[in-house]
Amino acid sequence: MFRRTFWFTAGAAAGVWATTKVNRKLKQLTPESLAAQAADKAIETGHKLKDFALDVRDNMVQREAELGGALGLEAPVDPDLPVQRHYAVEAAEPAAHPNTYRKLPYNSNNRNEDH
């Protein structure tokens, strides 16, 4: 009799545990819950990216200061010398008219042409 009671109680407890587990999983898989989880992950990822960008910017400023000191770019400038400007991109020749576009040569292999 004791064995039957033990196994009946063990089976009932396993059933309650399994039912609770399944119900929790079903609640996690509802559209509202999935949307909330995705939003939380997106916010968390945004914070991580922001922290990474701030770390990169701080290290970049530090490294630029190190390189500037090593290359003597931060040395005092002699006021008698003319200032030379360094451009990252060379200026292109201005077009004859701002709305004029240069025609490209005809290419028979162009698949985007109208037929």
N, C-alpha and C. Protein backbone atom coordinates (compact mmCIF):
# COMPACT_ATOMS: atom_id res chain seq x y z
N MET A 1 0.82 -1.19 0.00
CA MET A 1 0.00 0.00 0.00
C MET A 1 0.87 1.25 0.00
N PHE A 2 1.96 1.21 0.76
CA PHE A 2 2.84 2.36 0.84
C PHE A 2 3.50 2.62 -0.51
N ARG A 3 3.84 1.56 -1.23
CA ARG A 3 4.47 1.72 -2.54
C ARG A 3 3.52 2.40 -3.51
N ARG A 4 2.29 2.00 -3.55
CA ARG A 4 1.31 2.61 -4.44
C ARG A 4 1.12 4.09 -4.13
N THR A 5 1.06 4.41 -2.88
CA THR A 5 0.89 5.81 -2.48
C THR A 5 2.11 6.62 -2.89
N PHE A 6 3.29 6.05 -2.70
CA PHE A 6 4.52 6.74 -3.08
C PHE A 6 4.54 7.03 -4.58
N TRP A 7 4.26 6.00 -5.41
CA TRP A 7 4.32 6.19 -6.86
C TRP A 7 3.19 7.08 -7.35
N PHE A 8 2.03 7.01 -6.72
CA PHE A 8 0.94 7.91 -7.10
C PHE A 8 1.35 9.36 -6.82
N THR A 9 1.94 9.61 -5.66
CA THR A 9 2.38 10.96 -5.29
C THR A 9 3.51 11.43 -6.21
N ALA A 10 4.44 10.54 -6.51
CA ALA A 10 5.54 10.90 -7.40
C ALA A 10 5.00 11.23 -8.80
N GLY A 11 4.08 10.47 -9.30
CA GLY A 11 3.48 10.73 -10.62
C GLY A 11 2.72 12.03 -10.64
N ALA A 12 1.96 12.31 -9.58
CA ALA A 12 1.20 13.55 -9.51
C ALA A 12 2.14 14.75 -9.46
N ALA A 13 3.21 14.64 -8.68
CA ALA A 13 4.19 15.73 -8.59
C ALA A 13 4.88 15.94 -9.93
N ALA A 14 5.22 14.86 -10.63
CA ALA A 14 5.85 14.99 -11.95
C ALA A 14 4.88 15.62 -12.94
N GLY A 15 3.63 15.29 -12.86
CA GLY A 15 2.61 15.89 -13.74
C GLY A 15 2.45 17.38 -13.49
N VAL A 16 2.41 17.76 -12.23
CA VAL A 16 2.28 19.19 -11.88
C VAL A 16 3.53 19.94 -12.35
N TRP A 17 4.68 19.34 -12.13
CA TRP A 17 5.93 20.00 -12.54
C TRP A 17 5.98 20.17 -14.06
N ALA A 18 5.62 19.12 -14.81
CA ALA A 18 5.64 19.18 -16.26
C ALA A 18 4.62 20.19 -16.79
N THR A 19 3.43 20.21 -16.20
CA THR A 19 2.40 21.16 -16.63
C THR A 19 2.84 22.59 -16.38
N THR A 20 3.45 22.84 -15.24
CA THR A 20 3.95 24.19 -14.93
C THR A 20 5.03 24.60 -15.91
N LYS A 21 5.93 23.68 -16.21
CA LYS A 21 7.04 23.95 -17.13
C LYS A 21 6.50 24.28 -18.53
N VAL A 22 5.54 23.50 -19.00
CA VAL A 22 4.96 23.72 -20.33
C VAL A 22 4.22 25.05 -20.38
N ASN A 23 3.47 25.37 -19.35
CA ASN A 23 2.73 26.64 -19.34
C ASN A 23 3.68 27.83 -19.34
N ARG A 24 4.78 27.75 -18.61
CA ARG A 24 5.76 28.84 -18.62
C ARG A 24 6.35 29.02 -20.01
N LYS A 25 6.68 27.90 -20.66
CA LYS A 25 7.27 27.97 -22.00
C LYS A 25 6.27 28.55 -22.99
N LEU A 26 5.00 28.17 -22.87
CA LEU A 26 3.98 28.72 -23.76
C LEU A 26 3.81 30.22 -23.58
N LYS A 27 3.88 30.68 -22.33
CA LYS A 27 3.78 32.12 -22.08
C LYS A 27 4.98 32.86 -22.67
N GLN A 28 6.16 32.22 -22.67
CA GLN A 28 7.35 32.86 -23.25
C GLN A 28 7.25 32.94 -24.77
N LEU A 29 6.47 32.10 -25.38
CA LEU A 29 6.38 32.06 -26.83
C LEU A 29 5.19 32.83 -27.39
N THR A 30 4.47 33.58 -26.57
CA THR A 30 3.39 34.40 -27.09
C THR A 30 3.99 35.57 -27.87
N PRO A 31 3.29 36.11 -28.85
CA PRO A 31 3.82 37.23 -29.63
C PRO A 31 4.22 38.44 -28.79
N GLU A 32 3.43 38.75 -27.77
CA GLU A 32 3.75 39.89 -26.91
C GLU A 32 5.05 39.67 -26.16
N SER A 33 5.23 38.45 -25.65
CA SER A 33 6.44 38.13 -24.91
C SER A 33 7.66 38.13 -25.83
N LEU A 34 7.52 37.59 -27.03
CA LEU A 34 8.62 37.58 -27.98
C LEU A 34 9.00 39.01 -28.40
N ALA A 35 7.99 39.86 -28.59
CA ALA A 35 8.26 41.25 -28.95
C ALA A 35 9.00 41.96 -27.82
N ALA A 36 8.58 41.72 -26.59
CA ALA A 36 9.23 42.35 -25.44
C ALA A 36 10.68 41.85 -25.31
N GLN A 37 10.91 40.56 -25.52
CA GLN A 37 12.27 40.03 -25.46
C GLN A 37 13.15 40.62 -26.56
N ALA A 38 12.59 40.76 -27.77
CA ALA A 38 13.36 41.34 -28.87
C ALA A 38 13.69 42.80 -28.59
N ALA A 39 12.73 43.54 -28.03
CA ALA A 39 12.98 44.94 -27.69
C ALA A 39 14.07 45.06 -26.63
N ASP A 40 14.01 44.20 -25.63
CA ASP A 40 15.04 44.23 -24.58
C ASP A 40 16.42 43.92 -25.15
N LYS A 41 16.49 42.94 -26.05
CA LYS A 41 17.77 42.60 -26.67
C LYS A 41 18.28 43.75 -27.53
N ALA A 42 17.38 44.41 -28.24
CA ALA A 42 17.78 45.53 -29.09
C ALA A 42 18.32 46.69 -28.25
N ILE A 43 17.67 46.96 -27.16
CA ILE A 43 18.13 48.03 -26.28
C ILE A 43 19.48 47.67 -25.67
N GLU A 44 19.62 46.44 -25.25
CA GLU A 44 20.89 45.98 -24.67
C GLU A 44 22.02 46.06 -25.71
N THR A 45 21.74 45.65 -26.94
CA THR A 45 22.73 45.72 -28.00
C THR A 45 23.09 47.17 -28.31
N GLY A 46 22.09 48.05 -28.31
CA GLY A 46 22.36 49.47 -28.53
C GLY A 46 23.27 50.06 -27.47
N HIS A 47 23.05 49.68 -26.22
CA HIS A 47 23.92 50.17 -25.14
C HIS A 47 25.34 49.64 -25.30
N LYS A 48 25.46 48.37 -25.70
CA LYS A 48 26.80 47.80 -25.90
C LYS A 48 27.52 48.50 -27.05
N LEU A 49 26.80 48.79 -28.15
CA LEU A 49 27.41 49.49 -29.27
C LEU A 49 27.82 50.91 -28.90
N LYS A 50 26.99 51.56 -28.11
CA LYS A 50 27.32 52.92 -27.67
C LYS A 50 28.57 52.91 -26.80
N ASP A 51 28.64 51.96 -25.87
CA ASP A 51 29.83 51.85 -25.01
C ASP A 51 31.07 51.55 -25.85
N PHE A 52 30.92 50.68 -26.85
CA PHE A 52 32.05 50.36 -27.72
C PHE A 52 32.51 51.59 -28.49
N ALA A 53 31.55 52.36 -29.04
CA ALA A 53 31.91 53.56 -29.80
C ALA A 53 32.61 54.58 -28.90
N LEU A 54 32.15 54.73 -27.67
CA LEU A 54 32.80 55.66 -26.75
C LEU A 54 34.21 55.20 -26.41
N ASP A 55 34.40 53.90 -26.21
CA ASP A 55 35.74 53.37 -25.94
C ASP A 55 36.67 53.61 -27.14
N VAL A 56 36.15 53.37 -28.34
CA VAL A 56 36.96 53.58 -29.54
C VAL A 56 37.34 55.04 -29.66
N ARG A 57 36.39 55.94 -29.42
CA ARG A 57 36.67 57.37 -29.53
C ARG A 57 37.71 57.81 -28.49
N ASP A 58 37.58 57.33 -27.26
CA ASP A 58 38.56 57.69 -26.23
C ASP A 58 39.96 57.19 -26.59
N ASN A 59 40.04 55.95 -27.03
CA ASN A 59 41.34 55.39 -27.40
C ASN A 59 41.91 56.08 -28.64
N MET A 60 41.03 56.50 -29.56
CA MET A 60 41.49 57.20 -30.74
C MET A 60 42.10 58.55 -30.37
N VAL A 61 41.44 59.27 -29.49
CA VAL A 61 41.97 60.56 -29.05
C VAL A 61 43.31 60.37 -28.33
N GLN A 62 43.40 59.36 -27.50
CA GLN A 62 44.65 59.09 -26.79
C GLN A 62 45.76 58.74 -27.77
N ARG A 63 45.47 57.89 -28.76
CA ARG A 63 46.49 57.49 -29.72
C ARG A 63 46.90 58.66 -30.61
N GLU A 64 45.95 59.52 -30.99
CA GLU A 64 46.30 60.69 -31.79
C GLU A 64 47.22 61.62 -31.01
N ALA A 65 46.96 61.76 -29.71
CA ALA A 65 47.83 62.60 -28.88
C ALA A 65 49.23 61.99 -28.81
N GLU A 66 49.32 60.67 -28.66
CA GLU A 66 50.63 60.01 -28.63
C GLU A 66 51.38 60.21 -29.95
N LEU A 67 50.67 60.02 -31.06
CA LEU A 67 51.32 60.18 -32.36
C LEU A 67 51.70 61.65 -32.62
N GLY A 68 50.84 62.56 -32.20
CA GLY A 68 51.15 63.98 -32.37
C GLY A 68 52.39 64.37 -31.59
N GLY A 69 52.52 63.84 -30.40
CA GLY A 69 53.71 64.12 -29.60
C GLY A 69 54.96 63.50 -30.20
N ALA A 70 54.81 62.28 -30.72
CA ALA A 70 55.96 61.59 -31.31
C ALA A 70 56.41 62.24 -32.61
N LEU A 71 55.47 62.76 -33.38
CA LEU A 71 55.81 63.37 -34.66
C LEU A 71 56.08 64.88 -34.56
N GLY A 72 55.88 65.43 -33.39
CA GLY A 72 56.12 66.86 -33.20
C GLY A 72 55.05 67.74 -33.81
N LEU A 73 53.86 67.22 -33.98
CA LEU A 73 52.78 68.01 -34.57
C LEU A 73 52.21 69.02 -33.59
N GLU A 74 52.48 68.83 -32.33
CA GLU A 74 51.94 69.73 -31.32
C GLU A 74 52.98 70.75 -30.88
N ALA A 75 54.08 70.83 -31.62
CA ALA A 75 55.14 71.80 -31.30
C ALA A 75 54.64 73.20 -31.63
N PRO A 76 55.13 74.22 -30.93
CA PRO A 76 54.70 75.59 -31.23
C PRO A 76 55.10 75.97 -32.65
N VAL A 77 54.23 76.70 -33.33
CA VAL A 77 54.43 77.10 -34.71
C VAL A 77 55.11 78.46 -34.75
N ASP A 78 56.08 78.59 -35.63
CA ASP A 78 56.77 79.86 -35.82
C ASP A 78 55.83 80.80 -36.57
N PRO A 79 55.49 81.99 -36.00
CA PRO A 79 54.52 82.87 -36.64
C PRO A 79 55.04 83.47 -37.94
N ASP A 80 56.34 83.44 -38.20
CA ASP A 80 56.88 84.01 -39.43
C ASP A 80 56.70 83.09 -40.63
N LEU A 81 56.46 81.80 -40.38
CA LEU A 81 56.31 80.84 -41.47
C LEU A 81 54.89 80.89 -42.02
N PRO A 82 54.75 80.75 -43.35
CA PRO A 82 53.39 80.71 -43.91
C PRO A 82 52.71 79.40 -43.52
N VAL A 83 51.43 79.45 -43.37
CA VAL A 83 50.65 78.28 -42.99
C VAL A 83 50.33 77.47 -44.24
N GLN A 84 50.66 76.20 -44.21
CA GLN A 84 50.32 75.33 -45.32
C GLN A 84 49.08 74.53 -44.94
N ARG A 85 48.14 74.52 -45.84
CA ARG A 85 46.92 73.77 -45.59
C ARG A 85 47.04 72.41 -46.25
N HIS A 86 46.65 71.40 -45.54
CA HIS A 86 46.67 70.04 -46.07
C HIS A 86 45.23 69.60 -46.27
N TYR A 87 44.93 69.23 -47.50
CA TYR A 87 43.58 68.79 -47.82
C TYR A 87 43.56 67.28 -47.92
N ALA A 88 42.55 66.69 -47.34
CA ALA A 88 42.42 65.23 -47.40
C ALA A 88 42.04 64.79 -48.81
N VAL A 89 41.24 65.59 -49.51
CA VAL A 89 40.79 65.27 -50.86
C VAL A 89 41.13 66.45 -51.75
N GLU A 90 41.73 66.17 -52.88
CA GLU A 90 42.05 67.25 -53.80
C GLU A 90 40.78 67.72 -54.47
N ALA A 91 40.70 69.02 -54.74
CA ALA A 91 39.52 69.59 -55.37
C ALA A 91 39.47 69.14 -56.83
N ALA A 92 38.28 68.77 -57.29
CA ALA A 92 38.10 68.36 -58.67
C ALA A 92 37.86 69.60 -59.52
N GLU A 93 38.07 69.47 -60.81
CA GLU A 93 37.83 70.60 -61.70
C GLU A 93 36.34 70.89 -61.72
N PRO A 94 35.97 72.16 -61.64
CA PRO A 94 34.54 72.48 -61.64
C PRO A 94 33.95 72.22 -63.02
N ALA A 95 32.71 71.80 -63.04
CA ALA A 95 32.02 71.55 -64.30
C ALA A 95 31.66 72.88 -64.94
N ALA A 96 31.40 72.84 -66.25
CA ALA A 96 31.05 74.06 -66.96
C ALA A 96 29.76 74.65 -66.41
N HIS A 97 28.85 73.81 -66.10
CA HIS A 97 27.57 74.25 -65.54
C HIS A 97 27.21 73.25 -64.45
N PRO A 98 26.65 73.71 -63.31
CA PRO A 98 26.39 72.77 -62.20
C PRO A 98 25.46 71.62 -62.56
N ASN A 99 24.56 71.82 -63.52
CA ASN A 99 23.61 70.76 -63.87
C ASN A 99 24.07 69.94 -65.07
N THR A 100 25.31 70.10 -65.49
CA THR A 100 25.84 69.36 -66.63
C THR A 100 26.47 68.07 -66.14
N TYR A 101 26.12 67.00 -66.82
CA TYR A 101 26.69 65.71 -66.47
C TYR A 101 27.53 65.22 -67.63
N ARG A 102 28.60 64.58 -67.33
CA ARG A 102 29.48 64.03 -68.35
C ARG A 102 28.83 62.77 -68.89
N LYS A 103 28.74 62.65 -70.20
CA LYS A 103 28.14 61.48 -70.81
C LYS A 103 29.14 60.34 -70.79
N LEU A 104 28.67 59.18 -70.43
CA LEU A 104 29.52 58.00 -70.43
C LEU A 104 29.51 57.38 -71.83
N PRO A 105 30.60 56.75 -72.22
CA PRO A 105 30.61 56.14 -73.55
C PRO A 105 29.62 54.99 -73.61
N TYR A 106 29.10 54.78 -74.85
CA TYR A 106 28.13 53.70 -75.05
C TYR A 106 28.80 52.36 -74.86
N ASN A 107 28.15 51.49 -74.15
CA ASN A 107 28.66 50.15 -73.91
C ASN A 107 27.57 49.17 -74.30
N SER A 108 27.85 48.32 -75.28
CA SER A 108 26.84 47.38 -75.75
C SER A 108 26.49 46.32 -74.72
N ASN A 109 27.33 46.18 -73.68
CA ASN A 109 27.06 45.18 -72.65
C ASN A 109 26.23 45.71 -71.50
N ASN A 110 25.76 46.95 -71.61
CA ASN A 110 24.98 47.55 -70.54
C ASN A 110 23.60 46.90 -70.51
N ARG A 111 23.28 46.22 -69.45
CA ARG A 111 21.99 45.54 -69.32
C ARG A 111 20.90 46.45 -68.81
N ASN A 112 21.23 47.67 -68.42
CA ASN A 112 20.24 48.57 -67.86
C ASN A 112 19.66 49.52 -68.90
N GLU A 113 20.00 49.34 -70.15
CA GLU A 113 19.50 50.25 -71.17
C GLU A 113 18.07 49.88 -71.53
N ASP A 114 17.34 50.85 -72.02
CA ASP A 114 15.96 50.61 -72.44
C ASP A 114 15.95 49.92 -73.80
N HIS A 115 15.06 48.96 -73.99
CA HIS A 115 14.98 48.24 -75.27
C HIS A 115 13.69 48.58 -75.96
